[in-house]
Amino acid sequence: MKKRVLEIRHNKILYAIIIKKKNKFIKKGVDFVTKSSDLIQLGFLNHKKNHKITSHIHVKKPRVINYCTEVLLIEKGKVKIKFFDLKNSDIKKDTILNSGDIIILFKGGHGFTILKKTKIIEVKQGPYVNNKDKKIIKD
């Protein structure tokens, strides 16, 4: 089977992972596509009717988060993503995402060109301070 996740790497650094629409919900049960050590995890839960997920609570545990990881769900449309390294240089790994695709942005910079009318759901860690947590890249 082909790899389900496309990795965007440069100089051995993982900048992002992409899950194309066709690679979602292909396994039964719980199917995580990220590593448990990643700053954010993404999984697909694919269960039959009447399946029970045991009730639970997540235990309060301090964590060190030194980078704002973002998850973008392309609900509708088409977008081109450009990736930048930690020194703001274009790493030449531009990628097109379409309706139903998901990307997790782990490191580096990124820019977007909307190619068709697009709706995106964005999930990121908070709290987020708009003027202090983002640095503009001149490209």
C-alpha atoms as a PDB file:
ATOM      1  CA  MET A   1       0.000   0.000   0.000  1.00  0.00           C
ATOM      2  CA  LYS A   2       1.204   3.504  -0.783  1.00  0.00           C
ATOM      3  CA  LYS A   3       2.086   5.830   2.041  1.00  0.00           C
ATOM      4  CA  ARG A   4      -1.107   7.440   3.342  1.00  0.00           C
ATOM      5  CA  VAL A   5       0.620  10.587   4.523  1.00  0.00           C
ATOM      6  CA  LEU A   6       2.710  12.910   2.372  1.00  0.00           C
ATOM      7  CA  GLU A   7       5.563  14.408   4.397  1.00  0.00           C
ATOM      8  CA  ILE A   8       7.028  17.794   3.567  1.00  0.00           C
ATOM      9  CA  ARG A   9      10.667  17.560   4.689  1.00  0.00           C
ATOM     10  CA  HIS A  10      13.715  19.713   4.107  1.00  0.00           C
ATOM     11  CA  ASN A  11      17.168  18.947   5.500  1.00  0.00           C
ATOM     12  CA  LYS A  12      15.635  16.136   7.608  1.00  0.00           C
ATOM     13  CA  ILE A  13      13.185  18.540   9.299  1.00  0.00           C
ATOM     14  CA  LEU A  14       9.487  17.681   9.109  1.00  0.00           C
ATOM     15  CA  TYR A  15       7.613  20.832   8.114  1.00  0.00           C
ATOM     16  CA  ALA A  16       4.170  19.383   7.444  1.00  0.00           C
ATOM     17  CA  ILE A  17       2.149  16.271   6.757  1.00  0.00           C
ATOM     18  CA  ILE A  18      -0.687  16.090   4.264  1.00  0.00           C
ATOM     19  CA  ILE A  19      -3.557  13.626   4.267  1.00  0.00           C
ATOM     20  CA  LYS A  20      -5.381  13.587   0.939  1.00  0.00           C
ATOM     21  CA  LYS A  21      -9.144  13.075   0.948  1.00  0.00           C
ATOM     22  CA  LYS A  22      -8.854   9.542  -0.465  1.00  0.00           C
ATOM     23  CA  ASN A  23      -6.642   8.482   2.481  1.00  0.00           C
ATOM     24  CA  LYS A  24      -9.104   9.357   5.253  1.00  0.00           C
ATOM     25  CA  PHE A  25     -11.156   6.728   7.095  1.00  0.00           C
ATOM     26  CA  ILE A  26      -9.670   3.780   5.206  1.00  0.00           C
ATOM     27  CA  LYS A  27      -9.087   1.610   8.276  1.00  0.00           C
ATOM     28  CA  LYS A  28     -11.645   0.383  10.773  1.00  0.00           C
ATOM     29  CA  GLY A  29     -11.388   1.490  14.391  1.00  0.00           C
ATOM     30  CA  VAL A  30      -8.950   4.102  15.659  1.00  0.00           C
ATOM     31  CA  ASP A  31      -6.322   5.132  13.117  1.00  0.00           C
ATOM     32  CA  PHE A  32      -3.835   7.878  14.035  1.00  0.00           C
ATOM     33  CA  VAL A  33      -1.608   9.193  11.248  1.00  0.00           C
ATOM     34  CA  THR A  34       0.660  11.218  13.548  1.00  0.00           C
ATOM     35  CA  LYS A  35       3.214  10.049  16.082  1.00  0.00           C
ATOM     36  CA  SER A  36       2.391  10.209  19.784  1.00  0.00           C
ATOM     37  CA  SER A  37       5.436  12.500  20.171  1.00  0.00           C
ATOM     38  CA  ASP A  38       4.082  15.111  17.716  1.00  0.00           C
ATOM     39  CA  LEU A  39       2.868  18.424  19.154  1.00  0.00           C
ATOM     40  CA  ILE A  40      -0.612  17.605  17.908  1.00  0.00           C
ATOM     41  CA  GLN A  41      -2.152  14.281  16.935  1.00  0.00           C
ATOM     42  CA  LEU A  42      -4.628  13.568  14.182  1.00  0.00           C
ATOM     43  CA  GLY A  43      -6.576  10.366  13.889  1.00  0.00           C
ATOM     44  CA  PHE A  44      -9.623   8.959  12.188  1.00  0.00           C
ATOM     45  CA  LEU A  45     -12.256   7.077  14.163  1.00  0.00           C
ATOM     46  CA  ASN A  46     -14.217   4.698  11.961  1.00  0.00           C
ATOM     47  CA  HIS A  47     -16.726   2.633  13.959  1.00  0.00           C
ATOM     48  CA  LYS A  48     -19.885   0.665  13.252  1.00  0.00           C
ATOM     49  CA  LYS A  49     -23.304   1.642  14.597  1.00  0.00           C
ATOM     50  CA  ASN A  50     -23.721   1.079  18.364  1.00  0.00           C
ATOM     51  CA  HIS A  51     -19.952   0.985  18.984  1.00  0.00           C
ATOM     52  CA  LYS A  52     -19.172   2.433  22.423  1.00  0.00           C
ATOM     53  CA  ILE A  53     -16.150   4.571  23.184  1.00  0.00           C
ATOM     54  CA  THR A  54     -15.420   4.288  26.879  1.00  0.00           C
ATOM     55  CA  SER A  55     -16.256   7.482  28.772  1.00  0.00           C
ATOM     56  CA  HIS A  56     -13.097   9.229  29.908  1.00  0.00           C
ATOM     57  CA  ILE A  57     -11.507  12.481  31.034  1.00  0.00           C
ATOM     58  CA  HIS A  58      -8.124  13.803  30.003  1.00  0.00           C
ATOM     59  CA  VAL A  59      -5.801  14.264  32.968  1.00  0.00           C
ATOM     60  CA  LYS A  60      -4.301  17.707  33.548  1.00  0.00           C
ATOM     61  CA  LYS A  61      -0.626  17.446  32.673  1.00  0.00           C
ATOM     62  CA  PRO A  62       1.809  20.313  32.037  1.00  0.00           C
ATOM     63  CA  ARG A  63       3.287  20.270  28.535  1.00  0.00           C
ATOM     64  CA  VAL A  64       5.974  22.347  26.883  1.00  0.00           C
ATOM     65  CA  ILE A  65       4.772  23.697  23.549  1.00  0.00           C
ATOM     66  CA  ASN A  66       7.495  25.638  21.778  1.00  0.00           C
ATOM     67  CA  TYR A  67       5.878  25.995  18.365  1.00  0.00           C
ATOM     68  CA  CYS A  68       2.326  26.748  17.243  1.00  0.00           C
ATOM     69  CA  THR A  69       1.156  23.728  15.263  1.00  0.00           C
ATOM     70  CA  GLU A  70      -1.755  24.332  12.887  1.00  0.00           C
ATOM     71  CA  VAL A  71      -4.207  21.915  11.311  1.00  0.00           C
ATOM     72  CA  LEU A  72      -6.021  23.063   8.181  1.00  0.00           C
ATOM     73  CA  LEU A  73      -9.017  21.184   6.828  1.00  0.00           C
ATOM     74  CA  ILE A  74      -9.828  22.202   3.280  1.00  0.00           C
ATOM     75  CA  GLU A  75     -13.604  22.090   3.436  1.00  0.00           C
ATOM     76  CA  LYS A  76     -14.099  23.368  -0.110  1.00  0.00           C
ATOM     77  CA  GLY A  77     -11.926  24.743  -2.883  1.00  0.00           C
ATOM     78  CA  LYS A  78      -8.306  24.626  -3.931  1.00  0.00           C
ATOM     79  CA  VAL A  79      -5.248  26.226  -2.339  1.00  0.00           C
ATOM     80  CA  LYS A  80      -1.517  26.257  -3.081  1.00  0.00           C
ATOM     81  CA  ILE A  81       0.817  26.186  -0.087  1.00  0.00           C
ATOM     82  CA  LYS A  82       4.378  27.472  -0.175  1.00  0.00           C
ATOM     83  CA  PHE A  83       6.789  26.352   2.560  1.00  0.00           C
ATOM     84  CA  PHE A  84       9.670  28.265   4.129  1.00  0.00           C
ATOM     85  CA  ASP A  85      12.522  27.036   6.319  1.00  0.00           C
ATOM     86  CA  LEU A  86      13.379  28.470   9.735  1.00  0.00           C
ATOM     87  CA  LYS A  87      15.405  31.239   8.042  1.00  0.00           C
ATOM     88  CA  ASN A  88      12.465  32.327   5.837  1.00  0.00           C
ATOM     89  CA  SER A  89      13.883  30.769   2.644  1.00  0.00           C
ATOM     90  CA  ASP A  90      11.520  29.061   0.182  1.00  0.00           C
ATOM     91  CA  ILE A  91      12.217  25.298   0.373  1.00  0.00           C
ATOM     92  CA  LYS A  92      10.611  24.715  -3.062  1.00  0.00           C
ATOM     93  CA  LYS A  93       8.022  22.176  -1.906  1.00  0.00           C
ATOM     94  CA  ASP A  94       4.847  23.956  -3.070  1.00  0.00           C
ATOM     95  CA  THR A  95       1.797  21.724  -2.757  1.00  0.00           C
ATOM     96  CA  ILE A  96      -1.807  21.939  -3.954  1.00  0.00           C
ATOM     97  CA  LEU A  97      -4.602  20.978  -1.559  1.00  0.00           C
ATOM     98  CA  ASN A  98      -8.180  20.311  -2.665  1.00  0.00           C
ATOM     99  CA  SER A  99     -11.552  19.842  -0.969  1.00  0.00           C
ATOM    100  CA  GLY A 100     -11.343  17.187   1.727  1.00  0.00           C
ATOM    101  CA  ASP A 101      -7.555  17.363   2.192  1.00  0.00           C
ATOM    102  CA  ILE A 102      -5.935  18.001   5.573  1.00  0.00           C
ATOM    103  CA  ILE A 103      -2.524  19.477   6.385  1.00  0.00           C
ATOM    104  CA  ILE A 104      -0.705  19.708   9.701  1.00  0.00           C
ATOM    105  CA  LEU A 105       1.911  22.476   9.748  1.00  0.00           C
ATOM    106  CA  PHE A 106       4.619  21.593  12.278  1.00  0.00           C
ATOM    107  CA  LYS A 107       7.579  23.898  11.601  1.00  0.00           C
ATOM    108  CA  GLY A 108       8.836  26.690   9.395  1.00  0.00           C
ATOM    109  CA  GLY A 109       6.787  29.231   7.543  1.00  0.00           C
ATOM    110  CA  HIS A 110       4.001  28.965   5.030  1.00  0.00           C
ATOM    111  CA  GLY A 111       2.000  31.067   2.631  1.00  0.00           C
ATOM    112  CA  PHE A 112      -1.217  30.407   0.741  1.00  0.00           C
ATOM    113  CA  THR A 113      -2.546  31.250  -2.696  1.00  0.00           C
ATOM    114  CA  ILE A 114      -6.256  30.608  -3.071  1.00  0.00           C
ATOM    115  CA  LEU A 115      -6.778  29.005  -6.503  1.00  0.00           C
ATOM    116  CA  LYS A 116     -10.585  28.565  -6.301  1.00  0.00           C
ATOM    117  CA  LYS A 117     -13.190  29.862  -3.888  1.00  0.00           C
ATOM    118  CA  THR A 118     -12.069  28.128  -0.704  1.00  0.00           C
ATOM    119  CA  LYS A 119     -13.357  27.399   2.786  1.00  0.00           C
ATOM    120  CA  ILE A 120     -10.791  26.260   5.362  1.00  0.00           C
ATOM    121  CA  ILE A 121     -11.212  25.145   8.962  1.00  0.00           C
ATOM    122  CA  GLU A 122      -8.131  26.028  11.019  1.00  0.00           C
ATOM    123  CA  VAL A 123      -7.264  24.482  14.380  1.00  0.00           C
ATOM    124  CA  LYS A 124      -4.213  25.583  16.370  1.00  0.00           C
ATOM    125  CA  GLN A 125      -2.918  25.640  19.905  1.00  0.00           C
ATOM    126  CA  GLY A 126      -3.795  28.525  22.132  1.00  0.00           C
ATOM    127  CA  PRO A 127      -3.722  30.894  23.718  1.00  0.00           C
ATOM    128  CA  TYR A 128      -2.665  32.774  20.594  1.00  0.00           C
ATOM    129  CA  VAL A 129      -1.471  36.400  20.642  1.00  0.00           C
ATOM    130  CA  ASN A 130      -1.891  37.735  17.096  1.00  0.00           C
ATOM    131  CA  ASN A 131       0.819  40.408  17.184  1.00  0.00           C
ATOM    132  CA  LYS A 132       3.383  38.296  19.064  1.00  0.00           C
ATOM    133  CA  ASP A 133       2.963  34.740  17.771  1.00  0.00           C
ATOM    134  CA  LYS A 134       3.444  35.426  14.070  1.00  0.00           C
ATOM    135  CA  LYS A 135       6.279  36.935  12.010  1.00  0.00           C
ATOM    136  CA  ILE A 136       5.589  38.032   8.413  1.00  0.00           C
ATOM    137  CA  ILE A 137       7.835  36.595   5.670  1.00  0.00           C
ATOM    138  CA  LYS A 138       8.563  38.853   2.703  1.00  0.00           C
ATOM    139  CA  ASP A 139       8.462  36.543  -0.340  1.00  0.00           C
END
